[in-house]
Amino acid sequence: MRPLTSRVTPDDIFLDGTLRSSTTPESCDETHTANLDLQRKMMLELAKDEYWKRVWIIQEIGLAQKRRVCFGTTAMYWKDFIMMLTLHQIPSEGPMLLDEQIDKRFKGSHRLKRLLSQHKHALCKDPRDKIYGLIGLAVDGHGFPRIDYDKSQFQIWTDTMEFMNSHRMFEEEKEDNIIEYGKLVKFLLMGVESTPLQEVLRPYTTKGEISFDANAEESRAFRIMGSLIGCIQSIGPSAKDVAGKLSEVDAWSFRVQANYQHDLGSAFAQSENLLGTILSKTEAEVSKLCLNHQSLISWGCRSRQGLVLGECLTWPTEEKSRLGSSDISSSLDTVSITKETANILLYQLYTGYGRTSSTPWKMGVAPGQAARGDLIFWVQGTKTALLVRPTEFSTFGRSMVSCTDYSARLQVVGTAMVAEDIADPSIDHPARLDELKQEGSGRRLELKLDAPTVYSCPPPL
């Protein structure tokens, strides 16, 4: 280990192992007090030195069998050094924090999750060292993918998250645990300004990775409880056309009137708020609101008649029947959209329990590949909603009760946002989720996400 140097050295206090003494007892006491103050100042400066935050120093101290600290012209064994810091009541940082981790190494302090959280501000030239260095120190880091500096930061982020997932490190009772640690690992590797998902995935889009069932590869399927807001019943116009095509804005308003005739006041208030906010933002700001991303994971779900999820799953079929049309895409909207050129679309939601119900969240923005019948879910830890597409829909009745069950295959196809989050990022997200939870299990469903989907969910502001 490289000797630690400080601007203040023991030579300022000690000479030949003894304190300098004056000729009178009174001045001796004053000198002793001054020297103790100077010694504490020196130890405090040593403890606060950023040397202790270096990843490889953290790892060396954590793994070493014998430890000796060298500073100035002095060398001390680790325990003596810590004792001196303790005598001077040095705060629990730097070496004191590392010593606490050594003492509790096999009592949880050297678990990967704890190390990542405690050393999120660790220092190193290559950010990838923050993961590789701490993995080497973790008692539960065995089996981590081979260290490879040719991998991108996103690949290492994926390795880390999938490793933690496969070893069941995320706490199921904390619904935001996966999103929280996704954010933390992203910060360790990329800092505050992380690369957008589309740019991150661009080098890998030509590899043609095949979708898989969530039950087949558990380590790659992140299980997160979602709260269903509703399903998309109307799409358009594009965010770009809000400013330039009044006919499409008029058509949008017509759909608001048709879809929410039992709650028009709230619906039109949300509509005006959404349109005004879109107009106030730059094209670059709007483009960051949501994204297209087809997850590699699909999974099966079941619901039943009378539950919100069941109503949303059956909505496309019932709407076709109501309109007397087999082509739902030609019947519901009066605007024409070229999805290849429309990056962001406005949507209106059907939220279940019949058209007469009053629904708090009625509209927002979705990516260009959004379709009618797509489900929109919120999850804990992010205001970014998930766009989930149901396929392979089927119905079957129960033999003992007059009730119909529904099944479908689900897959995340992007992210979305509701209108109020676009206008006001300070909305209390946990309170909204609690409101949905109070409706019971009818809106709750375990979602299964791949790593890029988790990456695309930023934390709330």
Protein backbone atom coordinates (compact mmCIF):
# COMPACT_ATOMS: atom_id res chain seq x y z
CA MET A 1 0.00 0.00 0.00
CA ARG A 2 1.32 3.48 -0.86
CA PRO A 3 2.21 5.43 2.33
CA LEU A 4 -0.44 7.97 3.25
CA THR A 5 0.96 11.48 3.56
CA SER A 6 -0.52 14.47 5.35
CA ARG A 7 0.32 18.14 5.48
CA VAL A 8 0.56 17.72 9.27
CA THR A 9 2.99 15.05 10.53
CA PRO A 10 3.80 13.61 13.96
CA ASP A 11 7.07 15.55 13.86
CA ASP A 12 4.96 18.60 14.65
CA ILE A 13 4.00 16.98 17.95
CA PHE A 14 6.56 14.37 18.87
CA LEU A 15 10.35 14.43 18.99
CA ASP A 16 12.20 11.21 19.87
CA GLY A 17 8.96 9.78 21.25
CA THR A 18 8.49 12.51 23.90
CA LEU A 19 6.74 15.83 24.02
CA ARG A 20 8.93 18.94 24.06
CA SER A 21 8.91 20.48 27.53
CA SER A 22 9.30 24.08 28.68
CA THR A 23 11.12 25.12 31.82
CA THR A 24 8.03 25.80 33.99
CA PRO A 25 5.17 23.48 35.07
CA GLU A 26 2.55 26.04 34.00
CA SER A 27 3.90 26.31 30.48
CA CYS A 28 4.23 22.50 30.40
CA ASP A 29 0.47 22.10 30.92
CA GLU A 30 -0.27 24.69 28.26
CA THR A 31 2.11 23.00 25.83
CA HIS A 32 0.58 19.59 26.54
CA THR A 33 -2.92 20.90 25.80
CA ALA A 34 -1.74 22.62 22.63
CA ASN A 35 0.00 19.49 21.46
CA LEU A 36 -3.12 17.38 22.08
CA ASP A 37 -5.17 19.85 20.06
CA LEU A 38 -2.63 19.73 17.26
CA GLN A 39 -2.54 15.95 17.41
CA ARG A 40 -6.34 15.78 17.12
CA LYS A 41 -6.21 18.21 14.20
CA MET A 42 -3.69 15.97 12.49
CA MET A 43 -5.74 12.82 13.05
CA LEU A 44 -8.92 14.54 11.87
CA GLU A 45 -7.17 15.62 8.69
CA LEU A 46 -5.92 12.08 8.13
CA ALA A 47 -9.40 10.63 8.66
CA LYS A 48 -10.96 13.05 6.17
CA ASP A 49 -8.36 12.47 3.47
CA GLU A 50 -10.01 11.20 0.27
CA TYR A 51 -7.35 8.50 0.13
CA TRP A 52 -9.72 6.32 2.18
CA LYS A 53 -12.42 6.61 -0.50
CA ARG A 54 -10.30 5.02 -3.22
CA VAL A 55 -11.86 1.76 -4.33
CA TRP A 56 -8.68 -0.27 -4.30
CA ILE A 57 -7.72 1.03 -0.84
CA ILE A 58 -11.17 0.04 0.44
CA GLN A 59 -10.64 -3.42 -1.03
CA GLU A 60 -7.05 -3.82 0.24
CA ILE A 61 -7.95 -2.83 3.78
CA GLY A 62 -11.02 -5.05 3.74
CA LEU A 63 -9.15 -8.16 2.54
CA ALA A 64 -5.73 -7.75 4.19
CA GLN A 65 -4.77 -10.08 7.04
CA LYS A 66 -2.20 -7.64 8.44
CA ARG A 67 -2.61 -3.89 8.17
CA ARG A 68 -0.14 -1.08 8.86
CA VAL A 69 -0.67 2.62 8.24
CA CYS A 70 2.28 4.80 7.24
CA PHE A 71 2.05 8.58 7.39
CA GLY A 72 4.82 11.14 7.56
CA THR A 73 7.74 9.37 9.18
CA THR A 74 5.51 7.18 11.34
CA ALA A 75 4.20 3.65 10.83
CA MET A 76 1.45 2.21 13.04
CA TYR A 77 -0.37 -1.07 13.15
CA TRP A 78 -4.01 -0.71 12.17
CA LYS A 79 -5.42 -1.36 15.65
CA ASP A 80 -3.12 1.24 17.21
CA PHE A 81 -4.06 3.73 14.52
CA ILE A 82 -7.77 3.15 15.13
CA MET A 83 -7.25 3.42 18.89
CA MET A 84 -5.60 6.81 18.44
CA LEU A 85 -8.49 7.99 16.27
CA THR A 86 -10.95 6.74 18.89
CA LEU A 87 -9.14 8.53 21.73
CA HIS A 88 -9.41 11.77 19.79
CA GLN A 89 -13.13 11.14 19.11
CA ILE A 90 -12.71 11.23 15.35
CA PRO A 91 -16.11 10.92 13.54
CA SER A 92 -17.09 7.62 11.94
CA GLU A 93 -15.74 8.25 8.47
CA GLY A 94 -12.71 7.24 6.43
CA PRO A 95 -10.64 4.71 8.41
CA MET A 96 -13.18 4.51 11.24
CA LEU A 97 -15.86 3.45 8.78
CA LEU A 98 -13.56 0.90 7.17
CA ASP A 99 -12.66 -0.53 10.59
CA GLU A 100 -16.33 -0.94 11.42
CA GLN A 101 -16.77 -2.90 8.20
CA ILE A 102 -13.80 -5.12 9.05
CA ASP A 103 -15.29 -5.93 12.48
CA LYS A 104 -18.66 -6.75 10.94
CA ARG A 105 -17.42 -8.39 7.77
CA PHE A 106 -19.24 -11.64 8.42
CA LYS A 107 -22.24 -9.94 10.03
CA GLY A 108 -23.55 -8.21 6.92
CA SER A 109 -21.25 -5.24 6.32
CA HIS A 110 -19.47 -6.99 3.44
CA ARG A 111 -22.61 -8.00 1.60
CA LEU A 112 -22.74 -6.59 -1.91
CA LYS A 113 -25.84 -4.44 -1.41
CA ARG A 114 -24.37 -2.85 1.72
CA LEU A 115 -21.02 -2.19 0.04
CA LEU A 116 -22.64 -0.57 -3.01
CA SER A 117 -24.71 1.74 -0.80
CA GLN A 118 -21.94 2.63 1.63
CA HIS A 119 -19.31 3.33 -1.02
CA LYS A 120 -21.40 5.01 -3.71
CA HIS A 121 -19.02 7.99 -3.59
CA ALA A 122 -15.87 5.85 -3.85
CA LEU A 123 -13.08 7.23 -6.03
CA CYS A 124 -11.38 5.63 -9.03
CA LYS A 125 -10.21 6.58 -12.52
CA ASP A 126 -12.33 3.94 -14.27
CA PRO A 127 -15.95 3.85 -12.98
CA ARG A 128 -16.09 0.12 -13.72
CA ASP A 129 -13.62 -0.37 -10.87
CA LYS A 130 -16.36 0.64 -8.43
CA ILE A 131 -18.25 -2.53 -9.28
CA TYR A 132 -15.30 -4.86 -9.82
CA GLY A 133 -13.49 -3.63 -6.70
CA LEU A 134 -16.49 -4.00 -4.42
CA ILE A 135 -17.43 -7.38 -5.91
CA GLY A 136 -13.97 -8.60 -4.91
CA LEU A 137 -14.66 -7.51 -1.35
CA ALA A 138 -18.22 -8.85 -1.05
CA VAL A 139 -18.72 -12.10 0.86
CA ASP A 140 -21.69 -12.87 -1.41
CA GLY A 141 -19.94 -11.93 -4.67
CA HIS A 142 -18.96 -15.47 -5.71
CA GLY A 143 -20.26 -16.42 -9.13
CA PHE A 144 -20.24 -12.87 -10.51
CA PRO A 145 -19.51 -12.81 -14.28
CA ARG A 146 -15.84 -12.75 -15.21
CA ILE A 147 -14.21 -9.32 -14.92
CA ASP A 148 -13.98 -7.90 -18.42
CA TYR A 149 -12.91 -4.31 -19.09
CA ASP A 150 -13.96 -4.64 -22.72
CA LYS A 151 -17.57 -4.58 -21.56
CA SER A 152 -19.50 -1.32 -21.67
CA GLN A 153 -20.80 0.34 -18.52
CA PHE A 154 -24.32 -0.76 -19.47
CA GLN A 155 -23.20 -4.40 -19.83
CA ILE A 156 -21.59 -4.27 -16.38
CA TRP A 157 -24.75 -2.64 -15.01
CA THR A 158 -26.75 -5.54 -16.47
CA ASP A 159 -24.30 -8.13 -15.09
CA THR A 160 -24.60 -6.57 -11.63
CA MET A 161 -28.38 -6.32 -11.59
CA GLU A 162 -28.94 -9.83 -12.99
CA PHE A 163 -26.39 -11.25 -10.53
CA MET A 164 -28.19 -9.62 -7.60
CA ASN A 165 -31.52 -10.82 -8.97
CA SER A 166 -30.36 -14.42 -9.43
CA HIS A 167 -29.04 -14.49 -5.85
CA ARG A 168 -32.30 -13.04 -4.48
CA MET A 169 -30.64 -9.96 -3.01
CA PHE A 170 -33.64 -7.72 -3.62
CA GLU A 171 -36.17 -7.53 -0.80
CA GLU A 172 -39.62 -8.59 -1.98
CA GLU A 173 -41.40 -6.63 0.75
CA LYS A 174 -39.81 -3.41 -0.56
CA GLU A 175 -41.52 -2.85 -3.89
CA ASP A 176 -39.06 -0.14 -4.96
CA ASN A 177 -35.93 -2.16 -4.10
CA ILE A 178 -35.09 -3.15 -7.69
CA ILE A 179 -35.63 0.37 -9.06
CA GLU A 180 -33.64 1.83 -6.15
CA TYR A 181 -30.60 -0.37 -6.72
CA GLY A 182 -30.88 0.01 -10.47
CA LYS A 183 -30.47 3.74 -9.90
CA LEU A 184 -27.59 3.20 -7.45
CA VAL A 185 -25.58 0.91 -9.75
CA LYS A 186 -26.24 3.32 -12.63
CA PHE A 187 -24.86 6.18 -10.49
CA LEU A 188 -21.76 4.16 -9.57
CA LEU A 189 -20.99 3.44 -13.22
CA MET A 190 -22.26 6.52 -15.02
CA GLY A 191 -22.72 9.31 -12.51
CA VAL A 192 -25.72 11.63 -12.49
CA GLU A 193 -26.08 11.94 -16.28
CA SER A 194 -26.58 8.37 -17.49
CA THR A 195 -26.81 7.50 -21.18
CA PRO A 196 -30.39 7.17 -22.55
CA LEU A 197 -31.55 3.59 -23.13
CA GLN A 198 -31.85 3.95 -26.92
CA GLU A 199 -28.18 4.96 -27.20
CA VAL A 200 -27.11 2.26 -24.75
CA LEU A 201 -28.87 -0.48 -26.72
CA ARG A 202 -27.84 0.69 -30.20
CA PRO A 203 -24.68 -1.50 -30.42
CA TYR A 204 -26.72 -4.60 -29.52
CA THR A 205 -29.85 -4.13 -31.65
CA THR A 206 -28.43 -6.08 -34.58
CA LYS A 207 -27.70 -9.19 -32.52
CA GLY A 208 -31.33 -10.33 -32.68
CA GLU A 209 -31.67 -11.73 -29.17
CA ILE A 210 -34.75 -13.94 -28.91
CA SER A 211 -37.53 -13.24 -26.44
CA PHE A 212 -37.92 -15.70 -23.59
CA ASP A 213 -40.49 -16.77 -21.05
CA ALA A 214 -40.04 -15.25 -17.59
CA ASN A 215 -40.27 -18.68 -15.96
CA ALA A 216 -37.48 -20.08 -18.15
CA GLU A 217 -34.73 -17.68 -17.07
CA GLU A 218 -35.50 -16.43 -13.59
CA SER A 219 -32.28 -14.43 -13.17
CA ARG A 220 -33.13 -12.22 -16.14
CA ALA A 221 -36.74 -11.56 -15.09
CA PHE A 222 -37.10 -8.77 -12.53
CA ARG A 223 -40.38 -9.16 -10.61
CA ILE A 224 -41.99 -5.87 -9.61
CA MET A 225 -45.53 -5.25 -8.37
CA GLY A 226 -47.45 -2.92 -10.66
CA SER A 227 -50.63 -0.90 -10.15
CA LEU A 228 -52.89 -0.73 -13.21
CA ILE A 229 -54.03 2.76 -14.21
CA GLY A 230 -55.99 1.64 -17.25
CA CYS A 231 -55.78 0.64 -20.90
CA ILE A 232 -55.38 2.93 -23.90
CA GLN A 233 -58.69 3.51 -25.65
CA SER A 234 -57.72 6.39 -27.94
CA ILE A 235 -54.44 7.58 -29.49
CA GLY A 236 -53.39 10.82 -31.10
CA PRO A 237 -52.35 13.39 -32.07
CA SER A 238 -48.57 13.24 -31.96
CA ALA A 239 -46.85 15.70 -29.63
CA LYS A 240 -45.33 17.38 -32.67
CA ASP A 241 -48.76 17.94 -34.26
CA VAL A 242 -50.24 19.59 -31.17
CA ALA A 243 -48.77 22.91 -32.29
CA GLY A 244 -49.26 22.64 -36.03
CA LYS A 245 -52.45 20.71 -36.82
CA LEU A 246 -55.56 22.23 -35.27
CA SER A 247 -57.80 19.65 -36.93
CA GLU A 248 -56.10 16.86 -34.99
CA VAL A 249 -56.36 18.81 -31.74
CA ASP A 250 -60.08 19.25 -32.44
CA ALA A 251 -60.38 15.52 -33.06
CA TRP A 252 -58.60 14.88 -29.76
CA SER A 253 -61.09 17.13 -27.94
CA PHE A 254 -63.97 15.28 -29.61
CA ARG A 255 -62.62 12.00 -28.22
CA VAL A 256 -62.28 13.53 -24.74
CA GLN A 257 -65.95 14.46 -24.88
CA ALA A 258 -66.98 11.00 -26.10
CA ASN A 259 -64.82 9.02 -23.69
CA TYR A 260 -65.47 10.96 -20.47
CA GLN A 261 -69.01 12.30 -20.82
CA HIS A 262 -69.74 11.49 -17.17
CA ASP A 263 -66.71 13.45 -15.93
CA LEU A 264 -66.19 16.12 -18.58
CA GLY A 265 -64.98 18.88 -16.26
CA SER A 266 -62.03 16.90 -14.95
CA ALA A 267 -61.29 15.42 -18.38
CA PHE A 268 -61.13 18.75 -20.19
CA ALA A 269 -59.06 20.27 -17.38
CA GLN A 270 -56.51 17.46 -17.79
CA SER A 271 -56.62 17.84 -21.57
CA GLU A 272 -55.94 21.59 -21.51
CA ASN A 273 -53.17 21.06 -18.97
CA LEU A 274 -51.57 18.33 -21.09
CA LEU A 275 -51.75 20.27 -24.37
CA GLY A 276 -50.42 23.44 -22.74
CA THR A 277 -47.51 21.62 -21.13
CA ILE A 278 -46.56 19.91 -24.40
CA LEU A 279 -46.56 23.29 -26.17
CA SER A 280 -44.33 24.82 -23.47
CA LYS A 281 -41.62 22.18 -23.83
CA THR A 282 -38.88 21.92 -26.43
CA GLU A 283 -38.82 19.01 -28.85
CA ALA A 284 -35.81 17.56 -27.01
CA GLU A 285 -37.64 17.74 -23.66
CA VAL A 286 -40.73 16.06 -25.07
CA SER A 287 -38.67 13.27 -26.63
CA LYS A 288 -37.37 12.29 -23.17
CA LEU A 289 -40.82 11.79 -21.65
CA CYS A 290 -41.18 8.17 -22.79
CA LEU A 291 -39.64 5.62 -25.13
CA ASN A 292 -40.25 2.55 -27.26
CA HIS A 293 -38.66 -0.56 -25.80
CA GLN A 294 -39.86 -4.09 -26.41
CA SER A 295 -38.80 -6.20 -23.47
CA LEU A 296 -37.33 -9.63 -24.13
CA ILE A 297 -39.57 -11.08 -21.43
CA SER A 298 -43.17 -12.21 -21.77
CA TRP A 299 -45.30 -13.86 -19.11
CA GLY A 300 -48.79 -15.16 -18.58
CA CYS A 301 -51.44 -13.57 -16.37
CA ARG A 302 -55.00 -14.35 -15.30
CA SER A 303 -57.86 -12.18 -14.11
CA ARG A 304 -61.60 -12.51 -13.75
CA GLN A 305 -64.83 -10.79 -14.56
CA GLY A 306 -65.53 -7.75 -12.38
CA LEU A 307 -61.90 -6.81 -11.73
CA VAL A 308 -60.29 -3.78 -13.37
CA LEU A 309 -57.59 -5.89 -15.01
CA GLY A 310 -60.22 -8.24 -16.41
CA GLU A 311 -62.21 -5.32 -17.83
CA CYS A 312 -59.12 -3.80 -19.41
CA LEU A 313 -58.12 -7.12 -20.97
CA THR A 314 -61.57 -7.56 -22.49
CA TRP A 315 -61.99 -3.91 -23.52
CA PRO A 316 -60.73 -4.31 -27.14
CA THR A 317 -63.10 -7.24 -27.78
CA GLU A 318 -66.07 -5.49 -26.21
CA GLU A 319 -65.31 -2.27 -28.07
CA LYS A 320 -65.31 -4.12 -31.39
CA SER A 321 -68.67 -5.61 -30.51
CA ARG A 322 -70.07 -2.24 -29.42
CA LEU A 323 -68.95 -0.54 -32.63
CA GLY A 324 -70.01 -3.44 -34.82
CA SER A 325 -66.56 -3.51 -36.41
CA SER A 326 -63.91 -6.17 -36.59
CA ASP A 327 -61.25 -3.52 -37.16
CA ILE A 328 -60.82 -1.57 -33.96
CA SER A 329 -57.97 0.49 -35.39
CA SER A 330 -60.23 2.11 -37.98
CA SER A 331 -63.11 2.82 -35.62
CA LEU A 332 -61.79 4.58 -32.57
CA ASP A 333 -59.81 7.60 -33.70
CA THR A 334 -60.42 10.42 -36.09
CA VAL A 335 -56.75 11.36 -36.50
CA SER A 336 -54.23 9.75 -38.79
CA ILE A 337 -50.79 9.00 -37.40
CA THR A 338 -47.71 7.66 -39.09
CA LYS A 339 -46.11 5.77 -36.20
CA GLU A 340 -42.73 5.57 -37.90
CA THR A 341 -42.43 9.37 -37.68
CA ALA A 342 -44.40 10.01 -34.48
CA ASN A 343 -42.04 9.53 -31.54
CA ILE A 344 -44.49 10.69 -28.86
CA LEU A 345 -48.28 10.25 -28.98
CA LEU A 346 -51.04 11.52 -26.73
CA TYR A 347 -53.37 8.86 -25.35
CA GLN A 348 -56.68 8.60 -23.49
CA LEU A 349 -57.38 5.82 -20.99
CA TYR A 350 -60.20 3.46 -20.20
CA THR A 351 -59.87 2.68 -16.50
CA GLY A 352 -62.45 -0.04 -15.93
CA TYR A 353 -65.56 -0.42 -13.79
CA GLY A 354 -67.73 0.91 -16.61
CA ARG A 355 -67.83 4.19 -18.45
CA THR A 356 -69.76 5.98 -15.69
CA SER A 357 -66.91 5.86 -13.17
CA SER A 358 -64.84 8.92 -12.30
CA THR A 359 -61.16 8.25 -12.91
CA PRO A 360 -58.33 10.40 -11.54
CA TRP A 361 -55.86 9.80 -14.40
CA LYS A 362 -57.29 9.92 -17.87
CA MET A 363 -54.54 10.77 -20.34
CA GLY A 364 -50.86 11.35 -20.99
CA VAL A 365 -48.13 10.57 -23.51
CA ALA A 366 -46.85 7.24 -24.86
CA PRO A 367 -44.20 6.23 -27.42
CA GLY A 368 -44.93 5.95 -31.13
CA GLN A 369 -45.48 2.17 -31.06
CA ALA A 370 -48.28 2.39 -28.47
CA ALA A 371 -51.53 0.70 -29.49
CA ARG A 372 -55.14 0.67 -28.32
CA GLY A 373 -55.64 -1.94 -25.66
CA ASP A 374 -52.12 -1.49 -24.24
CA LEU A 375 -52.12 -1.46 -20.42
CA ILE A 376 -50.42 1.26 -18.38
CA PHE A 377 -48.98 0.40 -14.96
CA TRP A 378 -47.26 2.39 -12.25
CA VAL A 379 -44.58 0.82 -10.05
CA GLN A 380 -42.93 1.98 -6.84
CA GLY A 381 -39.77 4.04 -7.13
CA THR A 382 -40.43 5.82 -10.44
CA LYS A 383 -43.10 8.05 -11.96
CA THR A 384 -42.35 6.58 -15.36
CA ALA A 385 -45.25 4.27 -16.19
CA LEU A 386 -44.82 0.98 -18.04
CA LEU A 387 -46.62 0.26 -21.30
CA VAL A 388 -47.64 -3.41 -21.30
CA ARG A 389 -49.14 -5.19 -24.31
CA PRO A 390 -51.55 -8.14 -23.85
CA THR A 391 -51.59 -10.87 -26.49
CA GLU A 392 -53.01 -14.40 -26.78
CA PHE A 393 -56.17 -13.36 -24.96
CA SER A 394 -58.64 -16.13 -24.03
CA THR A 395 -61.69 -16.62 -21.82
CA PHE A 396 -62.94 -19.61 -19.88
CA GLY A 397 -65.77 -20.10 -17.40
CA ARG A 398 -65.62 -21.69 -13.97
CA SER A 399 -67.69 -24.80 -13.55
CA MET A 400 -68.86 -24.11 -9.98
CA VAL A 401 -69.66 -20.39 -10.26
CA SER A 402 -71.17 -18.14 -12.90
CA CYS A 403 -67.99 -16.19 -13.43
CA THR A 404 -65.67 -15.78 -16.40
CA ASP A 405 -61.90 -15.89 -16.12
CA TYR A 406 -59.51 -14.28 -18.58
CA SER A 407 -55.94 -15.08 -19.49
CA ALA A 408 -53.40 -13.27 -21.64
CA ARG A 409 -49.71 -13.08 -22.34
CA LEU A 410 -48.09 -9.78 -21.36
CA GLN A 411 -44.96 -7.97 -22.52
CA VAL A 412 -43.56 -4.51 -21.77
CA VAL A 413 -43.29 -2.51 -25.00
CA GLY A 414 -42.22 0.89 -23.68
CA THR A 415 -42.72 3.58 -21.06
CA ALA A 416 -45.37 6.27 -20.70
CA MET A 417 -46.33 9.24 -18.51
CA VAL A 418 -49.63 10.59 -17.22
CA ALA A 419 -50.57 14.22 -17.81
CA GLU A 420 -50.11 15.51 -14.27
CA ASP A 421 -46.52 14.22 -14.05
CA ILE A 422 -45.58 16.08 -17.21
CA ALA A 423 -46.94 19.34 -15.79
CA ASP A 424 -45.81 18.90 -12.18
CA PRO A 425 -42.88 16.58 -11.39
CA SER A 426 -43.33 17.16 -7.62
CA ILE A 427 -46.53 15.06 -7.39
CA ASP A 428 -46.51 12.66 -4.41
CA HIS A 429 -46.16 9.34 -6.23
CA PRO A 430 -46.37 6.96 -3.22
CA ALA A 431 -49.69 8.55 -2.21
CA ARG A 432 -51.16 7.81 -5.64
CA LEU A 433 -50.03 4.21 -5.47
CA ASP A 434 -51.59 3.87 -2.02
CA GLU A 435 -54.85 5.16 -3.50
CA LEU A 436 -54.77 2.44 -6.15
CA LYS A 437 -53.85 -0.24 -3.61
CA GLN A 438 -56.92 0.61 -1.55
CA GLU A 439 -59.08 -0.61 -4.42
CA GLY A 440 -57.80 -4.11 -3.67
CA SER A 441 -56.09 -6.74 -5.76
CA GLY A 442 -58.05 -5.91 -8.90
CA ARG A 443 -55.48 -3.33 -9.99
CA ARG A 444 -52.40 -5.12 -8.69
CA LEU A 445 -50.28 -7.44 -10.82
CA GLU A 446 -46.74 -8.78 -10.66
CA LEU A 447 -44.87 -7.47 -13.70
CA LYS A 448 -41.78 -9.13 -15.13
CA LEU A 449 -39.16 -6.85 -16.63
CA ASP A 450 -35.86 -7.36 -18.39
CA ALA A 451 -32.77 -5.37 -17.37
CA PRO A 452 -33.11 -2.64 -20.05
CA THR A 453 -36.67 -1.96 -18.87
CA VAL A 454 -35.44 -1.49 -15.29
CA TYR A 455 -32.70 0.78 -16.65
CA SER A 456 -35.31 2.93 -18.41
CA CYS A 457 -37.18 3.73 -15.16
CA PRO A 458 -35.64 6.88 -13.64
CA PRO A 459 -36.40 7.73 -10.00
CA PRO A 460 -38.90 10.51 -9.23
CA LEU A 461 -37.57 14.04 -8.83
